[in-house]
């Protein structure tokens, strides 16, 4: 199924992505796709304290995918659901496939 398996589109056009966050990493960005968990892997340098990692995740994804990004669920967990507004789902899938293939 690949990257498209962790992406959903809601009725109002918002795109939801299931991600797994690696806080305190030495680099930031989309680092792959975990097929076993069916989640996109995102690494951030920020520590998981007082929402710093959540903020960093939103910044990383916004930079790489565009749109308005927010954490929908999993605020205190490494497993999160992210919403992206104002970006087409096909564009997101194609960008994510490029990131995963290049890593």
PDB file of N, CA and C in Angstrom:
ATOM      1  N   UNK A   1       0.826  -1.190   0.000  1.00  0.00           N
ATOM      2  CA  UNK A   1       0.000   0.000   0.000  1.00  0.00           C
ATOM      3  C   UNK A   1       0.869   1.251   0.000  1.00  0.00           C
ATOM      4  N   UNK A   2       1.947   1.274   0.772  1.00  0.00           N
ATOM      5  CA  UNK A   2       2.859   2.402   0.769  1.00  0.00           C
ATOM      6  C   UNK A   2       2.361   3.610   1.517  1.00  0.00           C
ATOM      7  N   UNK A   3       2.966   4.750   1.201  1.00  0.00           N
ATOM      8  CA  UNK A   3       2.708   6.008   1.892  1.00  0.00           C
ATOM      9  C   UNK A   3       1.231   6.385   1.868  1.00  0.00           C
ATOM     10  N   UNK A   4       0.546   6.104   0.804  1.00  0.00           N
ATOM     11  CA  UNK A   4      -0.874   6.482   0.691  1.00  0.00           C
ATOM     12  C   UNK A   4      -1.721   5.813   1.771  1.00  0.00           C
ATOM     13  N   UNK A   5      -1.226   4.729   2.381  1.00  0.00           N
ATOM     14  CA  UNK A   5      -1.965   4.019   3.410  1.00  0.00           C
ATOM     15  C   UNK A   5      -2.118   4.794   4.703  1.00  0.00           C
ATOM     16  N   UNK A   6      -1.283   5.798   4.947  1.00  0.00           N
ATOM     17  CA  UNK A   6      -1.372   6.569   6.192  1.00  0.00           C
ATOM     18  C   UNK A   6      -2.068   7.909   5.984  1.00  0.00           C
ATOM     19  N   UNK A   7      -2.649   8.109   4.800  1.00  0.00           N
ATOM     20  CA  UNK A   7      -3.264   9.392   4.457  1.00  0.00           C
ATOM     21  C   UNK A   7      -4.760   9.221   4.215  1.00  0.00           C
ATOM     22  N   UNK A   8      -5.540  10.147   4.777  1.00  0.00           N
ATOM     23  CA  UNK A   8      -6.986  10.161   4.576  1.00  0.00           C
ATOM     24  C   UNK A   8      -7.424  11.559   4.194  1.00  0.00           C
ATOM     25  N   UNK A   9      -8.560  11.633   3.524  1.00  0.00           N
ATOM     26  CA  UNK A   9      -9.142  12.935   3.193  1.00  0.00           C
ATOM     27  C   UNK A   9     -10.518  13.010   3.829  1.00  0.00           C
ATOM     28  N   UNK A  10     -10.792  14.110   4.520  1.00  0.00           N
ATOM     29  CA  UNK A  10     -12.099  14.295   5.157  1.00  0.00           C
ATOM     30  C   UNK A  10     -13.077  14.921   4.166  1.00  0.00           C
ATOM     31  N   UNK A  11     -14.336  14.984   4.555  1.00  0.00           N
ATOM     32  CA  UNK A  11     -15.361  15.545   3.676  1.00  0.00           C
ATOM     33  C   UNK A  11     -15.146  17.022   3.374  1.00  0.00           C
ATOM     34  N   UNK A  12     -14.520  17.744   4.311  1.00  0.00           N
ATOM     35  CA  UNK A  12     -14.286  19.174   4.064  1.00  0.00           C
ATOM     36  C   UNK A  12     -12.974  19.447   3.322  1.00  0.00           C
ATOM     37  N   UNK A  13     -12.281  18.389   2.889  1.00  0.00           N
ATOM     38  CA  UNK A  13     -11.061  18.555   2.100  1.00  0.00           C
ATOM     39  C   UNK A  13      -9.775  18.550   2.902  1.00  0.00           C
ATOM     40  N   UNK A  14      -9.867  18.459   4.229  1.00  0.00           N
ATOM     41  CA  UNK A  14      -8.674  18.387   5.066  1.00  0.00           C
ATOM     42  C   UNK A  14      -8.009  17.028   4.879  1.00  0.00           C
ATOM     43  N   UNK A  15      -6.698  17.023   4.833  1.00  0.00           N
ATOM     44  CA  UNK A  15      -5.942  15.781   4.700  1.00  0.00           C
ATOM     45  C   UNK A  15      -5.403  15.413   6.074  1.00  0.00           C
ATOM     46  N   UNK A  16      -5.593  14.146   6.472  1.00  0.00           N
ATOM     47  CA  UNK A  16      -5.092  13.638   7.747  1.00  0.00           C
ATOM     48  C   UNK A  16      -3.974  12.635   7.480  1.00  0.00           C
ATOM     49  N   UNK A  17      -2.881  12.764   8.226  1.00  0.00           N
ATOM     50  CA  UNK A  17      -1.743  11.861   8.055  1.00  0.00           C
ATOM     51  C   UNK A  17      -1.360  11.275   9.403  1.00  0.00           C
ATOM     52  N   UNK A  18      -1.210   9.956   9.443  1.00  0.00           N
ATOM     53  CA  UNK A  18      -0.740   9.253  10.637  1.00  0.00           C
ATOM     54  C   UNK A  18       0.788   9.292  10.601  1.00  0.00           C
ATOM     55  N   UNK A  19       1.407   9.832  11.679  1.00  0.00           N
ATOM     56  CA  UNK A  19       2.855   9.919  11.709  1.00  0.00           C
ATOM     57  C   UNK A  19       3.416   9.324  12.997  1.00  0.00           C
ATOM     58  N   UNK A  20       4.693   9.007  12.944  1.00  0.00           N
ATOM     59  CA  UNK A  20       5.460   8.560  14.105  1.00  0.00           C
ATOM     60  C   UNK A  20       6.612   9.543  14.250  1.00  0.00           C
ATOM     61  N   UNK A  21       6.731  10.169  15.423  1.00  0.00           N
ATOM     62  CA  UNK A  21       7.716  11.225  15.626  1.00  0.00           C
ATOM     63  C   UNK A  21       8.923  10.699  16.391  1.00  0.00           C
ATOM     64  N   UNK A  22      10.094  11.128  15.959  1.00  0.00           N
ATOM     65  CA  UNK A  22      11.335  10.823  16.665  1.00  0.00           C
ATOM     66  C   UNK A  22      11.884  12.145  17.208  1.00  0.00           C
ATOM     67  N   UNK A  23      11.547  12.487  18.469  1.00  0.00           N
ATOM     68  CA  UNK A  23      12.046  13.743  19.041  1.00  0.00           C
ATOM     69  C   UNK A  23      13.512  13.613  19.452  1.00  0.00           C
ATOM     70  N   UNK A  24      14.210  14.726  19.540  1.00  0.00           N
ATOM     71  CA  UNK A  24      15.604  14.727  19.965  1.00  0.00           C
ATOM     72  C   UNK A  24      16.554  14.107  18.958  1.00  0.00           C
ATOM     73  N   UNK A  25      16.177  14.115  17.694  1.00  0.00           N
ATOM     74  CA  UNK A  25      17.005  13.517  16.637  1.00  0.00           C
ATOM     75  C   UNK A  25      18.145  14.460  16.251  1.00  0.00           C
ATOM     76  N   UNK A  26      19.131  13.925  15.572  1.00  0.00           N
ATOM     77  CA  UNK A  26      20.264  14.744  15.134  1.00  0.00           C
ATOM     78  C   UNK A  26      19.956  15.517  13.856  1.00  0.00           C
ATOM     79  N   UNK A  27      18.875  15.136  13.168  1.00  0.00           N
ATOM     80  CA  UNK A  27      18.458  15.861  11.961  1.00  0.00           C
ATOM     81  C   UNK A  27      16.938  15.951  11.944  1.00  0.00           C
ATOM     82  N   UNK A  28      16.427  16.852  11.131  1.00  0.00           N
ATOM     83  CA  UNK A  28      14.985  17.042  11.041  1.00  0.00           C
ATOM     84  C   UNK A  28      14.502  16.715   9.643  1.00  0.00           C
ATOM     85  N   UNK A  29      13.287  16.211   9.570  1.00  0.00           N
ATOM     86  CA  UNK A  29      12.672  15.976   8.275  1.00  0.00           C
ATOM     87  C   UNK A  29      11.904  14.672   8.231  1.00  0.00           C
ATOM     88  N   UNK A  30      11.360  14.392   7.077  1.00  0.00           N
ATOM     89  CA  UNK A  30      10.668  13.130   6.835  1.00  0.00           C
ATOM     90  C   UNK A  30      11.749  12.101   6.579  1.00  0.00           C
ATOM     91  N   UNK A  31      11.790  11.064   7.414  1.00  0.00           N
ATOM     92  CA  UNK A  31      12.898  10.105   7.305  1.00  0.00           C
ATOM     93  C   UNK A  31      12.486   8.754   6.745  1.00  0.00           C
ATOM     94  N   UNK A  32      11.200   8.540   6.521  1.00  0.00           N
ATOM     95  CA  UNK A  32      10.790   7.276   5.940  1.00  0.00           C
ATOM     96  C   UNK A  32       9.338   6.951   6.207  1.00  0.00           C
ATOM     97  N   UNK A  33       9.009   5.701   5.927  1.00  0.00           N
ATOM     98  CA  UNK A  33       7.658   5.187   6.125  1.00  0.00           C
ATOM     99  C   UNK A  33       7.772   3.853   6.839  1.00  0.00           C
ATOM    100  N   UNK A  34       7.126   3.716   7.973  1.00  0.00           N
ATOM    101  CA  UNK A  34       7.137   2.478   8.735  1.00  0.00           C
ATOM    102  C   UNK A  34       5.982   1.613   8.239  1.00  0.00           C
ATOM    103  N   UNK A  35       6.281   0.617   7.420  1.00  0.00           N
ATOM    104  CA  UNK A  35       5.230  -0.215   6.835  1.00  0.00           C
ATOM    105  C   UNK A  35       4.529  -1.062   7.881  1.00  0.00           C
ATOM    106  N   UNK A  36       5.249  -1.479   8.910  1.00  0.00           N
ATOM    107  CA  UNK A  36       4.658  -2.304   9.950  1.00  0.00           C
ATOM    108  C   UNK A  36       3.580  -1.536  10.708  1.00  0.00           C
ATOM    109  N   UNK A  37       3.847  -0.282  11.033  1.00  0.00           N
ATOM    110  CA  UNK A  37       2.876   0.541  11.756  1.00  0.00           C
ATOM    111  C   UNK A  37       1.967   1.332  10.821  1.00  0.00           C
ATOM    112  N   UNK A  38       2.336   1.438   9.554  1.00  0.00           N
ATOM    113  CA  UNK A  38       1.533   2.202   8.599  1.00  0.00           C
ATOM    114  C   UNK A  38       1.569   3.691   8.875  1.00  0.00           C
ATOM    115  N   UNK A  39       2.754   4.195   9.246  1.00  0.00           N
ATOM    116  CA  UNK A  39       2.898   5.609   9.595  1.00  0.00           C
ATOM    117  C   UNK A  39       4.122   6.222   8.932  1.00  0.00           C
ATOM    118  N   UNK A  40       3.989   7.494   8.626  1.00  0.00           N
ATOM    119  CA  UNK A  40       5.097   8.294   8.112  1.00  0.00           C
ATOM    120  C   UNK A  40       6.018   8.602   9.289  1.00  0.00           C
ATOM    121  N   UNK A  41       7.327   8.506   9.095  1.00  0.00           N
ATOM    122  CA  UNK A  41       8.284   8.788  10.162  1.00  0.00           C
ATOM    123  C   UNK A  41       8.857  10.188   9.980  1.00  0.00           C
ATOM    124  N   UNK A  42       8.776  10.974  11.055  1.00  0.00           N
ATOM    125  CA  UNK A  42       9.259  12.354  11.041  1.00  0.00           C
ATOM    126  C   UNK A  42      10.210  12.544  12.218  1.00  0.00           C
ATOM    127  N   UNK A  43      11.409  13.042  11.933  1.00  0.00           N
ATOM    128  CA  UNK A  43      12.395  13.316  12.981  1.00  0.00           C
ATOM    129  C   UNK A  43      12.484  14.817  13.214  1.00  0.00           C
ATOM    130  N   UNK A  44      12.590  15.195  14.498  1.00  0.00           N
ATOM    131  CA  UNK A  44      12.761  16.601  14.863  1.00  0.00           C
ATOM    132  C   UNK A  44      13.851  16.702  15.926  1.00  0.00           C
ATOM    133  N   UNK A  45      14.580  17.808  15.920  1.00  0.00           N
ATOM    134  CA  UNK A  45      15.635  18.022  16.898  1.00  0.00           C
ATOM    135  C   UNK A  45      15.080  18.408  18.264  1.00  0.00           C
ATOM    136  N   UNK A  46      13.913  18.995  18.305  1.00  0.00           N
ATOM    137  CA  UNK A  46      13.309  19.457  19.555  1.00  0.00           C
ATOM    138  C   UNK A  46      12.999  18.274  20.470  1.00  0.00           C
ATOM    139  N   UNK A  47      13.152  18.513  21.755  1.00  0.00           N
ATOM    140  CA  UNK A  47      12.803  17.510  22.758  1.00  0.00           C
ATOM    141  C   UNK A  47      11.297  17.513  22.985  1.00  0.00           C
ATOM    142  N   UNK A  48      10.790  16.405  23.471  1.00  0.00           N
ATOM    143  CA  UNK A  48       9.357  16.268  23.729  1.00  0.00           C
ATOM    144  C   UNK A  48       9.016  16.883  25.084  1.00  0.00           C
ATOM    145  N   UNK A  49       9.108  18.202  25.159  1.00  0.00           N
ATOM    146  CA  UNK A  49       8.806  18.925  26.394  1.00  0.00           C
ATOM    147  C   UNK A  49       7.951  20.142  26.072  1.00  0.00           C
ATOM    148  N   UNK A  50       6.843  20.271  26.788  1.00  0.00           N
ATOM    149  CA  UNK A  50       5.974  21.443  26.682  1.00  0.00           C
ATOM    150  C   UNK A  50       5.544  21.759  25.248  1.00  0.00           C
ATOM    151  N   UNK A  51       5.332  20.728  24.434  1.00  0.00           N
ATOM    152  CA  UNK A  51       4.844  20.929  23.071  1.00  0.00           C
ATOM    153  C   UNK A  51       5.893  21.345  22.054  1.00  0.00           C
ATOM    154  N   UNK A  52       7.156  21.362  22.442  1.00  0.00           N
ATOM    155  CA  UNK A  52       8.214  21.791  21.514  1.00  0.00           C
ATOM    156  C   UNK A  52       8.322  20.857  20.314  1.00  0.00           C
ATOM    157  N   UNK A  53       8.233  19.548  20.556  1.00  0.00           N
ATOM    158  CA  UNK A  53       8.326  18.589  19.444  1.00  0.00           C
ATOM    159  C   UNK A  53       7.120  18.716  18.519  1.00  0.00           C
ATOM    160  N   UNK A  54       5.929  18.932  19.080  1.00  0.00           N
ATOM    161  CA  UNK A  54       4.729  19.110  18.246  1.00  0.00           C
ATOM    162  C   UNK A  54       4.876  20.329  17.348  1.00  0.00           C
ATOM    163  N   UNK A  55       5.368  21.404  17.916  1.00  0.00           N
ATOM    164  CA  UNK A  55       5.586  22.630  17.142  1.00  0.00           C
ATOM    165  C   UNK A  55       6.619  22.383  16.035  1.00  0.00           C
ATOM    166  N   UNK A  56       7.686  21.667  16.367  1.00  0.00           N
ATOM    167  CA  UNK A  56       8.725  21.365  15.380  1.00  0.00           C
ATOM    168  C   UNK A  56       8.177  20.485  14.263  1.00  0.00           C
ATOM    169  N   UNK A  57       7.338  19.508  14.599  1.00  0.00           N
ATOM    170  CA  UNK A  57       6.728  18.638  13.585  1.00  0.00           C
ATOM    171  C   UNK A  57       5.909  19.473  12.610  1.00  0.00           C
ATOM    172  N   UNK A  58       5.105  20.383  13.140  1.00  0.00           N
ATOM    173  CA  UNK A  58       4.288  21.243  12.282  1.00  0.00           C
ATOM    174  C   UNK A  58       5.164  22.103  11.374  1.00  0.00           C
ATOM    175  N   UNK A  59       6.259  22.637  11.905  1.00  0.00           N
ATOM    176  CA  UNK A  59       7.172  23.449  11.095  1.00  0.00           C
ATOM    177  C   UNK A  59       7.835  22.634   9.999  1.00  0.00           C
ATOM    178  N   UNK A  60       8.315  21.434  10.335  1.00  0.00           N
ATOM    179  CA  UNK A  60       8.985  20.577   9.351  1.00  0.00           C
ATOM    180  C   UNK A  60       8.021  20.217   8.222  1.00  0.00           C
ATOM    181  N   UNK A  61       6.822  19.763   8.576  1.00  0.00           N
ATOM    182  CA  UNK A  61       5.856  19.359   7.553  1.00  0.00           C
ATOM    183  C   UNK A  61       5.353  20.538   6.737  1.00  0.00           C
ATOM    184  N   UNK A  62       5.195  21.679   7.378  1.00  0.00           N
ATOM    185  CA  UNK A  62       4.767  22.878   6.660  1.00  0.00           C
ATOM    186  C   UNK A  62       5.815  23.287   5.626  1.00  0.00           C
ATOM    187  N   UNK A  63       7.079  23.211   6.019  1.00  0.00           N
ATOM    188  CA  UNK A  63       8.171  23.557   5.106  1.00  0.00           C
ATOM    189  C   UNK A  63       8.226  22.600   3.921  1.00  0.00           C
ATOM    190  N   UNK A  64       8.034  21.313   4.182  1.00  0.00           N
ATOM    191  CA  UNK A  64       8.192  20.318   3.131  1.00  0.00           C
ATOM    192  C   UNK A  64       6.935  20.072   2.316  1.00  0.00           C
ATOM    193  N   UNK A  65       5.759  20.294   2.903  1.00  0.00           N
ATOM    194  CA  UNK A  65       4.510  20.008   2.189  1.00  0.00           C
ATOM    195  C   UNK A  65       3.658  21.239   1.905  1.00  0.00           C
ATOM    196  N   UNK A  66       3.860  22.300   2.675  1.00  0.00           N
ATOM    197  CA  UNK A  66       3.034  23.489   2.538  1.00  0.00           C
ATOM    198  C   UNK A  66       1.734  23.329   3.292  1.00  0.00           C
ATOM    199  N   UNK A  67       0.900  24.328   3.212  1.00  0.00           N
ATOM    200  CA  UNK A  67      -0.410  24.271   3.846  1.00  0.00           C
ATOM    201  C   UNK A  67      -0.395  24.645   5.308  1.00  0.00           C
ATOM    202  N   UNK A  68      -1.582  24.583   5.888  1.00  0.00           N
ATOM    203  CA  UNK A  68      -1.787  24.888   7.298  1.00  0.00           C
ATOM    204  C   UNK A  68      -1.822  23.565   8.060  1.00  0.00           C
ATOM    205  N   UNK A  69      -0.856  23.361   8.963  1.00  0.00           N
ATOM    206  CA  UNK A  69      -0.682  22.071   9.620  1.00  0.00           C
ATOM    207  C   UNK A  69      -0.918  22.190  11.120  1.00  0.00           C
ATOM    208  N   UNK A  70      -1.617  21.195  11.675  1.00  0.00           N
ATOM    209  CA  UNK A  70      -1.822  21.145  13.121  1.00  0.00           C
ATOM    210  C   UNK A  70      -1.894  19.693  13.586  1.00  0.00           C
ATOM    211  N   UNK A  71      -1.598  19.484  14.870  1.00  0.00           N
ATOM    212  CA  UNK A  71      -1.690  18.164  15.479  1.00  0.00           C
ATOM    213  C   UNK A  71      -3.132  17.957  15.919  1.00  0.00           C
ATOM    214  N   UNK A  72      -3.764  16.890  15.439  1.00  0.00           N
ATOM    215  CA  UNK A  72      -5.155  16.602  15.746  1.00  0.00           C
ATOM    216  C   UNK A  72      -5.264  15.685  16.963  1.00  0.00           C
ATOM    217  N   UNK A  73      -4.398  14.671  17.028  1.00  0.00           N
ATOM    218  CA  UNK A  73      -4.419  13.759  18.173  1.00  0.00           C
ATOM    219  C   UNK A  73      -3.011  13.243  18.435  1.00  0.00           C
ATOM    220  N   UNK A  74      -2.806  12.743  19.655  1.00  0.00           N
ATOM    221  CA  UNK A  74      -1.500  12.234  20.046  1.00  0.00           C
ATOM    222  C   UNK A  74      -0.556  13.312  20.531  1.00  0.00           C
ATOM    223  N   UNK A  75      -1.089  14.341  21.158  1.00  0.00           N
ATOM    224  CA  UNK A  75      -0.257  15.469  21.595  1.00  0.00           C
ATOM    225  C   UNK A  75       0.878  15.057  22.523  1.00  0.00           C
ATOM    226  N   UNK A  76       0.682  14.015  23.328  1.00  0.00           N
ATOM    227  CA  UNK A  76       1.722  13.578  24.266  1.00  0.00           C
ATOM    228  C   UNK A  76       2.304  12.221  23.891  1.00  0.00           C
ATOM    229  N   UNK A  77       2.091  11.799  22.671  1.00  0.00           N
ATOM    230  CA  UNK A  77       2.559  10.502  22.197  1.00  0.00           C
ATOM    231  C   UNK A  77       3.462  10.682  20.984  1.00  0.00           C
ATOM    232  N   UNK A  78       4.257   9.663  20.690  1.00  0.00           N
ATOM    233  CA  UNK A  78       5.063   9.693  19.458  1.00  0.00           C
ATOM    234  C   UNK A  78       4.194   9.400  18.240  1.00  0.00           C
ATOM    235  N   UNK A  79       3.057   8.745  18.450  1.00  0.00           N
ATOM    236  CA  UNK A  79       2.118   8.434  17.375  1.00  0.00           C
ATOM    237  C   UNK A  79       1.095   9.558  17.302  1.00  0.00           C
ATOM    238  N   UNK A  80       1.076  10.273  16.188  1.00  0.00           N
ATOM    239  CA  UNK A  80       0.222  11.457  16.061  1.00  0.00           C
ATOM    240  C   UNK A  80      -0.609  11.406  14.784  1.00  0.00           C
ATOM    241  N   UNK A  81      -1.669  12.184  14.791  1.00  0.00           N
ATOM    242  CA  UNK A  81      -2.454  12.416  13.582  1.00  0.00           C
ATOM    243  C   UNK A  81      -2.357  13.903  13.304  1.00  0.00           C
ATOM    244  N   UNK A  82      -1.930  14.231  12.093  1.00  0.00           N
ATOM    245  CA  UNK A  82      -1.702  15.608  11.661  1.00  0.00           C
ATOM    246  C   UNK A  82      -2.749  15.985  10.617  1.00  0.00           C
ATOM    247  N   UNK A  83      -3.266  17.210  10.703  1.00  0.00           N
ATOM    248  CA  UNK A  83      -4.180  17.686   9.660  1.00  0.00           C
ATOM    249  C   UNK A  83      -3.454  18.718   8.800  1.00  0.00           C
ATOM    250  N   UNK A  84      -3.729  18.651   7.508  1.00  0.00           N
ATOM    251  CA  UNK A  84      -3.156  19.609   6.553  1.00  0.00           C
ATOM    252  C   UNK A  84      -4.305  20.200   5.755  1.00  0.00           C
ATOM    253  N   UNK A  85      -4.383  21.517   5.774  1.00  0.00           N
ATOM    254  CA  UNK A  85      -5.415  22.228   5.010  1.00  0.00           C
ATOM    255  C   UNK A  85      -4.741  22.990   3.869  1.00  0.00           C
ATOM    256  N   UNK A  86      -5.501  23.246   2.840  1.00  0.00           N
ATOM    257  CA  UNK A  86      -5.087  24.075   1.706  1.00  0.00           C
ATOM    258  C   UNK A  86      -4.047  23.415   0.804  1.00  0.00           C
ATOM    259  N   UNK A  87      -3.949  22.080   0.845  1.00  0.00           N
ATOM    260  CA  UNK A  87      -3.056  21.366  -0.076  1.00  0.00           C
ATOM    261  C   UNK A  87      -3.817  20.152  -0.598  1.00  0.00           C
ATOM    262  N   UNK A  88      -3.702  19.894  -1.891  1.00  0.00           N
ATOM    263  CA  UNK A  88      -4.387  18.783  -2.537  1.00  0.00           C
ATOM    264  C   UNK A  88      -3.768  17.452  -2.117  1.00  0.00           C
ATOM    265  N   UNK A  89      -4.604  16.437  -1.885  1.00  0.00           N
ATOM    266  CA  UNK A  89      -4.127  15.139  -1.412  1.00  0.00           C
ATOM    267  C   UNK A  89      -3.158  14.475  -2.398  1.00  0.00           C
ATOM    268  N   UNK A  90      -3.401  14.619  -3.700  1.00  0.00           N
ATOM    269  CA  UNK A  90      -2.509  14.012  -4.691  1.00  0.00           C
ATOM    270  C   UNK A  90      -1.114  14.632  -4.627  1.00  0.00           C
ATOM    271  N   UNK A  91      -1.066  15.940  -4.403  1.00  0.00           N
ATOM    272  CA  UNK A  91       0.213  16.646  -4.285  1.00  0.00           C
ATOM    273  C   UNK A  91       0.969  16.156  -3.047  1.00  0.00           C
ATOM    274  N   UNK A  92       0.252  15.967  -1.946  1.00  0.00           N
ATOM    275  CA  UNK A  92       0.877  15.482  -0.714  1.00  0.00           C
ATOM    276  C   UNK A  92       1.433  14.077  -0.911  1.00  0.00           C
ATOM    277  N   UNK A  93       0.649  13.199  -1.498  1.00  0.00           N
ATOM    278  CA  UNK A  93       1.096  11.824  -1.717  1.00  0.00           C
ATOM    279  C   UNK A  93       2.333  11.796  -2.595  1.00  0.00           C
ATOM    280  N   UNK A  94       2.348  12.575  -3.673  1.00  0.00           N
ATOM    281  CA  UNK A  94       3.509  12.557  -4.570  1.00  0.00           C
ATOM    282  C   UNK A  94       4.753  13.099  -3.878  1.00  0.00           C
ATOM    283  N   UNK A  95       4.620  14.160  -3.074  1.00  0.00           N
ATOM    284  CA  UNK A  95       5.774  14.699  -2.344  1.00  0.00           C
ATOM    285  C   UNK A  95       6.291  13.702  -1.311  1.00  0.00           C
ATOM    286  N   UNK A  96       5.367  13.078  -0.584  1.00  0.00           N
ATOM    287  CA  UNK A  96       5.780  12.113   0.436  1.00  0.00           C
ATOM    288  C   UNK A  96       6.463  10.900  -0.178  1.00  0.00           C
ATOM    289  N   UNK A  97       5.971  10.436  -1.313  1.00  0.00           N
ATOM    290  CA  UNK A  97       6.626   9.313  -1.988  1.00  0.00           C
ATOM    291  C   UNK A  97       8.041   9.677  -2.409  1.00  0.00           C
ATOM    292  N   UNK A  98       8.253  10.923  -2.854  1.00  0.00           N
ATOM    293  CA  UNK A  98       9.595  11.374  -3.209  1.00  0.00           C
ATOM    294  C   UNK A  98      10.524  11.377  -1.999  1.00  0.00           C
ATOM    295  N   UNK A  99      10.033  11.904  -0.859  1.00  0.00           N
ATOM    296  CA  UNK A  99      10.837  11.946   0.355  1.00  0.00           C
ATOM    297  C   UNK A  99      11.210  10.545   0.827  1.00  0.00           C
ATOM    298  N   UNK A 100      10.240   9.628   0.804  1.00  0.00           N
ATOM    299  CA  UNK A 100      10.476   8.269   1.290  1.00  0.00           C
ATOM    300  C   UNK A 100      11.444   7.527   0.372  1.00  0.00           C
ATOM    301  N   UNK A 101      11.313   7.698  -0.939  1.00  0.00           N
ATOM    302  CA  UNK A 101      12.208   7.034  -1.879  1.00  0.00           C
ATOM    303  C   UNK A 101      13.633   7.548  -1.791  1.00  0.00           C
ATOM    304  N   UNK A 102      13.788   8.840  -1.494  1.00  0.00           N
ATOM    305  CA  UNK A 102      15.136   9.429  -1.446  1.00  0.00           C
ATOM    306  C   UNK A 102      15.864   9.100  -0.143  1.00  0.00           C
ATOM    307  N   UNK A 103      15.143   8.607   0.874  1.00  0.00           N
ATOM    308  CA  UNK A 103      15.779   8.278   2.155  1.00  0.00           C
ATOM    309  C   UNK A 103      16.044   6.828   2.299  1.00  0.00           C
TER     310      UNK A 103
END
